[in-house]
Amino acid sequence: MGYVNVATTLQQAMSENNSLQVFVASGFYDLDTSYFATKYTVNHLDLDPGLRDHITLAYYDAGHQMYTHLPSLKKLKSDVADFFGKY
């Protein structure tokens, strides 16, 4: 068994649809999906440089279920609303 890796799928989807925008929410204390691993993966996607700004990373003072931490839930709601408001 191993880890699920969707980096290749994400890179392919973004390359084929250059209008695709991606929002990634990461908890600083997430032991399942480390925000460092997410940041590393995003930084190492083989993307056209013009597509790099199509990925929005947001960080929260919580774990994997950041919506169970009220301050993080409020920030997540605001960040997602801002993200969708741009498009």
C-alpha atoms as a PDB file:
ATOM      1  CA  MET A   1       0.000   0.000   0.000  1.00  0.00           C
ATOM      2  CA  GLY A   2       1.163   3.552  -0.407  1.00  0.00           C
ATOM      3  CA  TYR A   3       0.064   7.132  -0.372  1.00  0.00           C
ATOM      4  CA  VAL A   4      -2.482   8.582  -2.752  1.00  0.00           C
ATOM      5  CA  ASN A   5      -0.748  10.965  -5.149  1.00  0.00           C
ATOM      6  CA  VAL A   6      -2.982  13.170  -7.276  1.00  0.00           C
ATOM      7  CA  ALA A   7      -0.228  15.555  -8.396  1.00  0.00           C
ATOM      8  CA  THR A   8      -0.008  14.093 -11.896  1.00  0.00           C
ATOM      9  CA  THR A   9      -3.788  14.206 -12.317  1.00  0.00           C
ATOM     10  CA  LEU A  10      -3.917  17.809 -11.080  1.00  0.00           C
ATOM     11  CA  GLN A  11      -1.057  18.846 -13.369  1.00  0.00           C
ATOM     12  CA  GLN A  12      -2.761  17.209 -16.342  1.00  0.00           C
ATOM     13  CA  ALA A  13      -6.162  18.753 -15.567  1.00  0.00           C
ATOM     14  CA  MET A  14      -4.666  22.238 -15.173  1.00  0.00           C
ATOM     15  CA  SER A  15      -2.642  21.884 -18.368  1.00  0.00           C
ATOM     16  CA  GLU A  16      -5.654  20.737 -20.379  1.00  0.00           C
ATOM     17  CA  ASN A  17      -7.991  23.365 -18.914  1.00  0.00           C
ATOM     18  CA  ASN A  18      -6.016  26.576 -18.494  1.00  0.00           C
ATOM     19  CA  SER A  19      -9.066  28.243 -16.899  1.00  0.00           C
ATOM     20  CA  LEU A  20      -9.089  25.803 -13.982  1.00  0.00           C
ATOM     21  CA  GLN A  21      -8.599  27.473 -10.601  1.00  0.00           C
ATOM     22  CA  VAL A  22      -7.643  25.387  -7.553  1.00  0.00           C
ATOM     23  CA  PHE A  23      -8.142  26.205  -3.857  1.00  0.00           C
ATOM     24  CA  VAL A  24      -6.161  24.141  -1.333  1.00  0.00           C
ATOM     25  CA  ALA A  25      -6.992  24.392   2.393  1.00  0.00           C
ATOM     26  CA  SER A  26      -4.369  23.030   4.807  1.00  0.00           C
ATOM     27  CA  GLY A  27      -4.313  22.777   8.572  1.00  0.00           C
ATOM     28  CA  PHE A  28      -0.950  23.439  10.220  1.00  0.00           C
ATOM     29  CA  TYR A  29      -1.544  20.500  12.601  1.00  0.00           C
ATOM     30  CA  ASP A  30      -2.869  18.054  10.008  1.00  0.00           C
ATOM     31  CA  LEU A  31      -1.173  14.683  10.526  1.00  0.00           C
ATOM     32  CA  ASP A  32      -2.962  13.075   7.549  1.00  0.00           C
ATOM     33  CA  THR A  33      -2.200  15.611   4.837  1.00  0.00           C
ATOM     34  CA  SER A  34       0.841  17.584   5.879  1.00  0.00           C
ATOM     35  CA  TYR A  35       0.750  21.191   4.728  1.00  0.00           C
ATOM     36  CA  PHE A  36       4.490  20.950   4.026  1.00  0.00           C
ATOM     37  CA  ALA A  37       3.846  18.011   1.675  1.00  0.00           C
ATOM     38  CA  THR A  38       1.042  19.933  -0.025  1.00  0.00           C
ATOM     39  CA  LYS A  39       3.220  23.007  -0.441  1.00  0.00           C
ATOM     40  CA  TYR A  40       6.085  20.868  -1.781  1.00  0.00           C
ATOM     41  CA  THR A  41       3.791  19.088  -4.240  1.00  0.00           C
ATOM     42  CA  VAL A  42       2.288  22.328  -5.548  1.00  0.00           C
ATOM     43  CA  ASN A  43       5.752  23.859  -5.914  1.00  0.00           C
ATOM     44  CA  HIS A  44       6.952  20.839  -7.888  1.00  0.00           C
ATOM     45  CA  LEU A  45       4.051  20.436 -10.299  1.00  0.00           C
ATOM     46  CA  ASP A  46       5.323  20.521 -13.850  1.00  0.00           C
ATOM     47  CA  LEU A  47       3.065  23.449 -14.742  1.00  0.00           C
ATOM     48  CA  ASP A  48       3.452  26.193 -17.282  1.00  0.00           C
ATOM     49  CA  PRO A  49       4.618  29.239 -15.279  1.00  0.00           C
ATOM     50  CA  GLY A  50       1.481  31.112 -16.353  1.00  0.00           C
ATOM     51  CA  LEU A  51      -0.677  28.580 -14.504  1.00  0.00           C
ATOM     52  CA  ARG A  52       1.093  28.810 -11.139  1.00  0.00           C
ATOM     53  CA  ASP A  53      -1.119  31.675 -10.007  1.00  0.00           C
ATOM     54  CA  HIS A  54      -4.183  29.480 -10.648  1.00  0.00           C
ATOM     55  CA  ILE A  55      -3.493  27.687  -7.356  1.00  0.00           C
ATOM     56  CA  THR A  56      -4.521  29.338  -4.100  1.00  0.00           C
ATOM     57  CA  LEU A  57      -3.085  27.912  -0.874  1.00  0.00           C
ATOM     58  CA  ALA A  58      -4.676  28.754   2.475  1.00  0.00           C
ATOM     59  CA  TYR A  59      -3.462  27.712   5.920  1.00  0.00           C
ATOM     60  CA  TYR A  60      -5.359  27.284   9.182  1.00  0.00           C
ATOM     61  CA  ASP A  61      -4.446  26.915  12.862  1.00  0.00           C
ATOM     62  CA  ALA A  62      -6.120  23.531  13.014  1.00  0.00           C
ATOM     63  CA  GLY A  63      -5.738  19.914  11.993  1.00  0.00           C
ATOM     64  CA  HIS A  64      -7.213  17.870   9.167  1.00  0.00           C
ATOM     65  CA  GLN A  65     -10.792  18.857  10.011  1.00  0.00           C
ATOM     66  CA  MET A  66     -10.183  22.581  10.264  1.00  0.00           C
ATOM     67  CA  TYR A  67     -13.926  23.255  10.350  1.00  0.00           C
ATOM     68  CA  THR A  68     -14.080  21.788  13.888  1.00  0.00           C
ATOM     69  CA  HIS A  69     -11.915  24.677  15.156  1.00  0.00           C
ATOM     70  CA  LEU A  70     -14.200  27.738  15.199  1.00  0.00           C
ATOM     71  CA  PRO A  71     -11.566  30.408  14.319  1.00  0.00           C
ATOM     72  CA  SER A  72     -10.349  28.236  11.426  1.00  0.00           C
ATOM     73  CA  LEU A  73     -13.909  27.609  10.260  1.00  0.00           C
ATOM     74  CA  LYS A  74     -14.542  31.353  10.119  1.00  0.00           C
ATOM     75  CA  LYS A  75     -11.315  31.932   8.171  1.00  0.00           C
ATOM     76  CA  LEU A  76     -12.081  29.010   5.826  1.00  0.00           C
ATOM     77  CA  LYS A  77     -15.560  30.406   5.125  1.00  0.00           C
ATOM     78  CA  SER A  78     -14.091  33.819   4.356  1.00  0.00           C
ATOM     79  CA  ASP A  79     -11.287  32.418   2.201  1.00  0.00           C
ATOM     80  CA  VAL A  80     -13.631  30.205   0.161  1.00  0.00           C
ATOM     81  CA  ALA A  81     -16.081  33.091  -0.327  1.00  0.00           C
ATOM     82  CA  ASP A  82     -13.212  35.312  -1.523  1.00  0.00           C
ATOM     83  CA  PHE A  83     -11.992  32.553  -3.860  1.00  0.00           C
ATOM     84  CA  PHE A  84     -15.412  32.036  -5.443  1.00  0.00           C
ATOM     85  CA  GLY A  85     -16.026  35.785  -5.514  1.00  0.00           C
ATOM     86  CA  LYS A  86     -13.089  36.226  -7.890  1.00  0.00           C
ATOM     87  CA  TYR A  87     -14.716  34.016 -10.517  1.00  0.00           C
END
